[in-house]
């Protein structure tokens, strides 16, 4: 693999798959997601078959990062300090531990000290 690591938050993946952000606007690098994002993407109760297929194709193209003790420990700290939902704390901790910028549209995550956030413009166009 070449290039720097880039972590995509769940909302960034949804916007990417839905056409609200373009692949070309993402920072250059090797794309990763947290295992939490994988679970969030596949667990929507009203997920249509076509949407599931698009998500599964996407998941084959990215590296999925599992939890380790360092991420778990930092996630607990972040959840307590910033009153985050546990999935958000885990994704932010994964980004910090991996020293990978996080592409997210979650304003609460943008306030976390030590988290490098990539902000992208959103299109009003939606595909899925």
C-alpha atoms as a PDB file:
ATOM      1  CA  UNK A   1       0.000   0.000   0.000  1.00  0.00           C
ATOM      2  CA  UNK A   2       1.157   3.531  -0.678  1.00  0.00           C
ATOM      3  CA  UNK A   3       0.037   6.941   0.498  1.00  0.00           C
ATOM      4  CA  UNK A   4      -1.132   8.042   3.899  1.00  0.00           C
ATOM      5  CA  UNK A   5      -3.960   6.405   5.782  1.00  0.00           C
ATOM      6  CA  UNK A   6      -7.367   8.129   5.679  1.00  0.00           C
ATOM      7  CA  UNK A   7     -10.244   7.015   7.907  1.00  0.00           C
ATOM      8  CA  UNK A   8     -13.803   7.470   6.648  1.00  0.00           C
ATOM      9  CA  UNK A   9     -16.584   8.050   9.175  1.00  0.00           C
ATOM     10  CA  UNK A  10     -19.924   6.343   8.624  1.00  0.00           C
ATOM     11  CA  UNK A  11     -21.561   9.564   7.438  1.00  0.00           C
ATOM     12  CA  UNK A  12     -18.765  10.124   4.911  1.00  0.00           C
ATOM     13  CA  UNK A  13     -19.285   6.646   3.461  1.00  0.00           C
ATOM     14  CA  UNK A  14     -23.025   7.213   3.218  1.00  0.00           C
ATOM     15  CA  UNK A  15     -22.480  10.569   1.505  1.00  0.00           C
ATOM     16  CA  UNK A  16     -19.945   9.013  -0.846  1.00  0.00           C
ATOM     17  CA  UNK A  17     -22.262   6.133  -1.779  1.00  0.00           C
ATOM     18  CA  UNK A  18     -25.195   8.529  -2.060  1.00  0.00           C
ATOM     19  CA  UNK A  19     -23.352  10.929  -4.353  1.00  0.00           C
ATOM     20  CA  UNK A  20     -23.294  13.851  -1.911  1.00  0.00           C
ATOM     21  CA  UNK A  21     -19.483  13.861  -1.984  1.00  0.00           C
ATOM     22  CA  UNK A  22     -17.344  12.888  -4.922  1.00  0.00           C
ATOM     23  CA  UNK A  23     -14.494  10.403  -4.702  1.00  0.00           C
ATOM     24  CA  UNK A  24     -12.201  12.962  -6.344  1.00  0.00           C
ATOM     25  CA  UNK A  25     -12.681  15.356  -3.409  1.00  0.00           C
ATOM     26  CA  UNK A  26     -11.360  12.832  -0.869  1.00  0.00           C
ATOM     27  CA  UNK A  27      -7.771  13.297   0.277  1.00  0.00           C
ATOM     28  CA  UNK A  28      -5.256  11.071  -1.477  1.00  0.00           C
ATOM     29  CA  UNK A  29      -4.344   7.990   0.490  1.00  0.00           C
ATOM     30  CA  UNK A  30      -5.291   4.507   1.530  1.00  0.00           C
ATOM     31  CA  UNK A  31      -8.896   4.403   2.749  1.00  0.00           C
ATOM     32  CA  UNK A  32      -9.899   2.666   5.948  1.00  0.00           C
ATOM     33  CA  UNK A  33     -13.025   2.374   8.055  1.00  0.00           C
ATOM     34  CA  UNK A  34     -13.547   1.228  11.618  1.00  0.00           C
ATOM     35  CA  UNK A  35     -15.292  -2.094  12.163  1.00  0.00           C
ATOM     36  CA  UNK A  36     -17.924   0.082  13.872  1.00  0.00           C
ATOM     37  CA  UNK A  37     -18.624   1.826  10.556  1.00  0.00           C
ATOM     38  CA  UNK A  38     -18.966  -1.553   8.845  1.00  0.00           C
ATOM     39  CA  UNK A  39     -21.516  -2.613  11.462  1.00  0.00           C
ATOM     40  CA  UNK A  40     -23.410   0.696  11.266  1.00  0.00           C
ATOM     41  CA  UNK A  41     -23.603   0.546   7.470  1.00  0.00           C
ATOM     42  CA  UNK A  42     -24.979  -2.983   7.397  1.00  0.00           C
ATOM     43  CA  UNK A  43     -27.363  -2.729  10.351  1.00  0.00           C
ATOM     44  CA  UNK A  44     -29.867  -0.115   9.171  1.00  0.00           C
ATOM     45  CA  UNK A  45     -33.296  -1.737   9.665  1.00  0.00           C
ATOM     46  CA  UNK A  46     -34.749  -0.403   6.385  1.00  0.00           C
ATOM     47  CA  UNK A  47     -31.706  -1.143   4.216  1.00  0.00           C
ATOM     48  CA  UNK A  48     -32.774  -1.977   0.674  1.00  0.00           C
ATOM     49  CA  UNK A  49     -31.124  -4.851  -1.196  1.00  0.00           C
ATOM     50  CA  UNK A  50     -29.571  -2.488  -3.772  1.00  0.00           C
ATOM     51  CA  UNK A  51     -28.150  -0.325  -0.972  1.00  0.00           C
ATOM     52  CA  UNK A  52     -26.756  -3.383   0.787  1.00  0.00           C
ATOM     53  CA  UNK A  53     -25.092  -4.525  -2.431  1.00  0.00           C
ATOM     54  CA  UNK A  54     -23.494  -1.089  -2.915  1.00  0.00           C
ATOM     55  CA  UNK A  55     -22.224  -1.149   0.669  1.00  0.00           C
ATOM     56  CA  UNK A  56     -20.810  -4.671   0.283  1.00  0.00           C
ATOM     57  CA  UNK A  57     -18.990  -3.633  -2.915  1.00  0.00           C
ATOM     58  CA  UNK A  58     -17.575  -0.632  -1.073  1.00  0.00           C
ATOM     59  CA  UNK A  59     -16.443  -2.765   1.883  1.00  0.00           C
ATOM     60  CA  UNK A  60     -14.345  -4.908  -0.473  1.00  0.00           C
ATOM     61  CA  UNK A  61     -12.393  -1.782  -1.472  1.00  0.00           C
ATOM     62  CA  UNK A  62     -11.389  -0.503   1.983  1.00  0.00           C
ATOM     63  CA  UNK A  63      -9.377  -1.807   4.900  1.00  0.00           C
ATOM     64  CA  UNK A  64     -11.567  -2.501   7.935  1.00  0.00           C
ATOM     65  CA  UNK A  65      -9.814  -1.784  11.223  1.00  0.00           C
ATOM     66  CA  UNK A  66     -10.693  -3.953  14.207  1.00  0.00           C
ATOM     67  CA  UNK A  67     -10.560  -2.754  17.794  1.00  0.00           C
ATOM     68  CA  UNK A  68      -7.442  -3.146  19.889  1.00  0.00           C
ATOM     69  CA  UNK A  69      -6.736  -2.296  23.514  1.00  0.00           C
ATOM     70  CA  UNK A  70      -5.292   1.141  22.702  1.00  0.00           C
ATOM     71  CA  UNK A  71      -8.386   2.156  20.715  1.00  0.00           C
ATOM     72  CA  UNK A  72     -10.725   0.784  23.388  1.00  0.00           C
ATOM     73  CA  UNK A  73      -8.946   2.693  26.140  1.00  0.00           C
ATOM     74  CA  UNK A  74      -8.881   5.972  24.225  1.00  0.00           C
ATOM     75  CA  UNK A  75     -12.536   5.545  23.204  1.00  0.00           C
ATOM     76  CA  UNK A  76     -13.529   5.344  26.868  1.00  0.00           C
ATOM     77  CA  UNK A  77     -11.578   8.529  27.594  1.00  0.00           C
ATOM     78  CA  UNK A  78     -13.100  10.381  24.626  1.00  0.00           C
ATOM     79  CA  UNK A  79     -16.633   9.243  25.469  1.00  0.00           C
ATOM     80  CA  UNK A  80     -16.278  10.544  29.017  1.00  0.00           C
ATOM     81  CA  UNK A  81     -14.524  13.797  28.115  1.00  0.00           C
ATOM     82  CA  UNK A  82     -16.730  14.804  25.176  1.00  0.00           C
ATOM     83  CA  UNK A  83     -20.009  12.996  26.047  1.00  0.00           C
ATOM     84  CA  UNK A  84     -19.931  11.128  22.740  1.00  0.00           C
ATOM     85  CA  UNK A  85     -21.969   8.159  21.635  1.00  0.00           C
ATOM     86  CA  UNK A  86     -19.825   5.049  21.971  1.00  0.00           C
ATOM     87  CA  UNK A  87     -19.593   4.365  18.191  1.00  0.00           C
ATOM     88  CA  UNK A  88     -18.400   7.948  17.584  1.00  0.00           C
ATOM     89  CA  UNK A  89     -15.836   7.668  20.382  1.00  0.00           C
ATOM     90  CA  UNK A  90     -14.494   4.417  18.905  1.00  0.00           C
ATOM     91  CA  UNK A  91     -14.212   5.875  15.394  1.00  0.00           C
ATOM     92  CA  UNK A  92     -12.467   9.013  16.701  1.00  0.00           C
ATOM     93  CA  UNK A  93     -10.106   6.906  18.828  1.00  0.00           C
ATOM     94  CA  UNK A  94      -9.287   4.729  15.814  1.00  0.00           C
ATOM     95  CA  UNK A  95      -8.381   7.834  13.820  1.00  0.00           C
ATOM     96  CA  UNK A  96      -6.177   9.225  16.584  1.00  0.00           C
ATOM     97  CA  UNK A  97      -4.399   5.927  17.300  1.00  0.00           C
ATOM     98  CA  UNK A  98      -3.758   5.317  13.590  1.00  0.00           C
ATOM     99  CA  UNK A  99      -2.705   8.985  13.103  1.00  0.00           C
ATOM    100  CA  UNK A 100      -5.055   8.995  10.129  1.00  0.00           C
ATOM    101  CA  UNK A 101      -7.166  12.046   9.291  1.00  0.00           C
ATOM    102  CA  UNK A 102     -10.897  11.424   9.693  1.00  0.00           C
ATOM    103  CA  UNK A 103     -13.307  12.399   6.934  1.00  0.00           C
ATOM    104  CA  UNK A 104     -16.491  13.251   8.831  1.00  0.00           C
ATOM    105  CA  UNK A 105     -19.415  15.629   8.823  1.00  0.00           C
ATOM    106  CA  UNK A 106     -20.133  15.179  12.528  1.00  0.00           C
ATOM    107  CA  UNK A 107     -19.664  18.583  14.175  1.00  0.00           C
ATOM    108  CA  UNK A 108     -19.199  17.024  17.621  1.00  0.00           C
ATOM    109  CA  UNK A 109     -16.189  15.053  16.395  1.00  0.00           C
ATOM    110  CA  UNK A 110     -14.654  18.215  14.956  1.00  0.00           C
ATOM    111  CA  UNK A 111     -14.221  19.524  18.517  1.00  0.00           C
ATOM    112  CA  UNK A 112     -12.006  16.663  19.720  1.00  0.00           C
ATOM    113  CA  UNK A 113      -8.507  17.759  20.612  1.00  0.00           C
ATOM    114  CA  UNK A 114      -5.868  15.788  18.725  1.00  0.00           C
ATOM    115  CA  UNK A 115      -8.268  14.539  16.042  1.00  0.00           C
ATOM    116  CA  UNK A 116      -7.341  15.607  12.527  1.00  0.00           C
ATOM    117  CA  UNK A 117     -10.612  16.175  10.656  1.00  0.00           C
ATOM    118  CA  UNK A 118     -11.013  16.546   6.894  1.00  0.00           C
ATOM    119  CA  UNK A 119     -13.952  18.720   5.875  1.00  0.00           C
ATOM    120  CA  UNK A 120     -15.443  18.396   2.409  1.00  0.00           C
ATOM    121  CA  UNK A 121     -18.229  20.251   0.601  1.00  0.00           C
ATOM    122  CA  UNK A 122     -21.578  18.439   0.320  1.00  0.00           C
ATOM    123  CA  UNK A 123     -23.570  18.293  -2.880  1.00  0.00           C
ATOM    124  CA  UNK A 124     -27.355  18.501  -2.735  1.00  0.00           C
ATOM    125  CA  UNK A 125     -27.535  15.603  -5.219  1.00  0.00           C
ATOM    126  CA  UNK A 126     -28.397  12.152  -3.819  1.00  0.00           C
ATOM    127  CA  UNK A 127     -28.013   8.786  -5.541  1.00  0.00           C
ATOM    128  CA  UNK A 128     -29.206   6.310  -2.877  1.00  0.00           C
END
